[in-house]
Amino acid sequence: MTNVPLLQLVLDLPELQQYYHVDSLPERSPLRLVCSDPACADASLEKFGAPVEVSPAAPEGDQPYLEITRFDQQASSAEVEFRYPVEGVVGRVSLSKTGDTWSVTEARLAE
């Protein structure tokens, strides 16, 4: 799946790590990723040493989740927007591709 490296970079953003709180809130693992974009279908991702649960809809109840709200990928660039409602965080990530490798060129988060 060609989108897996992009999505994994978003999950692993250094700026986002402080909001997961998986050490003090173990119920936040495994990470739940909500994404209705076809780019996320069948994505095999990992976070906190466990597979990420990917779903097109938010889980019922008060389970925390990270939601991809926009996924726009071109041949050598991509923009991903997300929100982590349990922490009131929204973000936007710009990525670029050099050769076969994707990297983050800009990440902005706000509470």
Protein backbone atom coordinates (compact mmCIF):
# COMPACT_ATOMS: atom_id res chain seq x y z
CA MET A 1 0.00 0.00 0.00
CA THR A 2 1.64 3.22 -1.14
CA ASN A 3 -0.14 5.41 1.44
CA VAL A 4 1.13 3.54 4.48
CA PRO A 5 4.42 5.49 4.73
CA LEU A 6 2.50 8.79 4.59
CA LEU A 7 0.03 7.77 7.25
CA GLN A 8 2.75 6.30 9.47
CA LEU A 9 4.67 9.59 9.29
CA VAL A 10 1.56 11.41 10.49
CA LEU A 11 1.03 9.01 13.41
CA ASP A 12 4.71 9.33 14.36
CA LEU A 13 4.93 13.14 14.21
CA PRO A 14 7.15 14.26 17.10
CA GLU A 15 4.75 17.15 17.79
CA LEU A 16 1.84 14.73 18.25
CA GLN A 17 3.46 12.29 20.68
CA GLN A 18 2.81 14.42 23.78
CA TYR A 19 -0.95 14.08 23.26
CA TYR A 20 -1.22 10.31 23.14
CA HIS A 21 -0.55 9.81 26.91
CA VAL A 22 -0.41 6.06 26.40
CA ASP A 23 1.92 5.61 29.40
CA SER A 24 -0.55 7.12 31.85
CA LEU A 25 -3.70 6.11 29.90
CA PRO A 26 -3.07 2.57 28.63
CA GLU A 27 -6.64 2.35 27.28
CA ARG A 28 -5.47 4.59 24.42
CA SER A 29 -3.60 1.62 22.98
CA PRO A 30 -4.15 0.29 20.44
CA LEU A 31 -4.53 3.55 18.57
CA ARG A 32 -7.80 3.88 16.68
CA LEU A 33 -7.54 5.66 13.33
CA VAL A 34 -10.73 6.95 11.74
CA CYS A 35 -10.43 7.60 8.03
CA SER A 36 -13.17 7.39 5.42
CA ASP A 37 -10.79 8.20 2.54
CA PRO A 38 -10.05 5.21 0.28
CA ALA A 39 -6.35 5.97 0.85
CA CYS A 40 -6.71 4.48 4.33
CA ALA A 41 -8.48 1.28 3.33
CA ASP A 42 -6.52 -1.79 4.38
CA ALA A 43 -3.67 0.33 5.75
CA SER A 44 -1.38 -1.75 7.93
CA LEU A 45 -0.01 0.68 10.51
CA GLU A 46 1.61 0.33 13.91
CA LYS A 47 1.73 2.54 17.00
CA PHE A 48 2.80 1.76 20.58
CA GLY A 49 4.07 -1.64 19.43
CA ALA A 50 0.60 -2.75 18.33
CA PRO A 51 -1.37 -2.70 15.09
CA VAL A 52 -3.50 0.43 14.58
CA GLU A 53 -7.25 -0.19 14.35
CA VAL A 54 -8.37 1.52 11.13
CA SER A 55 -12.07 2.25 10.65
CA PRO A 56 -14.11 4.50 8.32
CA ALA A 57 -16.29 5.73 11.22
CA ALA A 58 -15.69 6.93 14.77
CA PRO A 59 -16.08 4.29 17.47
CA GLU A 60 -19.17 4.41 19.60
CA GLY A 61 -18.92 5.68 23.13
CA ASP A 62 -16.01 7.69 24.44
CA GLN A 63 -13.13 5.70 22.97
CA PRO A 64 -10.34 8.03 21.82
CA TYR A 65 -9.38 8.08 18.16
CA LEU A 66 -7.28 10.01 15.67
CA GLU A 67 -9.24 11.06 12.60
CA ILE A 68 -7.83 11.85 9.17
CA THR A 69 -10.10 14.65 7.95
CA ARG A 70 -8.33 15.33 4.64
CA PHE A 71 -5.91 13.25 2.59
CA ASP A 72 -4.63 14.81 -0.64
CA GLN A 73 -1.78 12.96 -2.33
CA GLN A 74 -0.08 13.95 -5.57
CA ALA A 75 2.90 12.26 -7.26
CA SER A 76 5.56 13.95 -5.12
CA SER A 77 3.63 15.85 -2.44
CA ALA A 78 0.81 15.30 0.01
CA GLU A 79 -1.29 17.20 2.54
CA VAL A 80 -2.90 15.44 5.48
CA GLU A 81 -5.22 17.06 8.00
CA PHE A 82 -6.27 15.34 11.19
CA ARG A 83 -7.87 15.79 14.58
CA TYR A 84 -7.49 14.06 17.90
CA PRO A 85 -10.76 15.01 19.61
CA VAL A 86 -9.97 13.55 23.04
CA GLU A 87 -7.16 16.12 23.39
CA GLY A 88 -8.77 18.88 21.30
CA VAL A 89 -5.89 18.83 18.82
CA VAL A 90 -6.06 19.54 15.10
CA GLY A 91 -3.16 19.36 12.69
CA ARG A 92 -1.99 19.72 9.14
CA VAL A 93 1.04 17.97 7.67
CA SER A 94 2.78 18.70 4.38
CA LEU A 95 4.91 15.89 2.96
CA SER A 96 7.20 15.56 -0.03
CA LYS A 97 8.64 12.60 -1.87
CA THR A 98 12.24 12.33 -2.99
CA GLY A 99 12.91 9.14 -4.92
CA ASP A 100 10.90 6.49 -3.07
CA THR A 101 11.06 8.19 0.33
CA TRP A 102 8.40 10.42 1.89
CA SER A 103 9.31 13.02 4.49
CA VAL A 104 7.51 15.67 6.49
CA THR A 105 8.23 19.19 5.22
CA GLU A 106 5.91 21.01 7.62
CA ALA A 107 3.69 20.08 10.54
CA ARG A 108 1.30 22.42 12.32
CA LEU A 109 -0.73 21.49 15.37
CA ALA A 110 -3.16 23.56 17.39
CA GLU A 111 -5.24 22.91 20.50
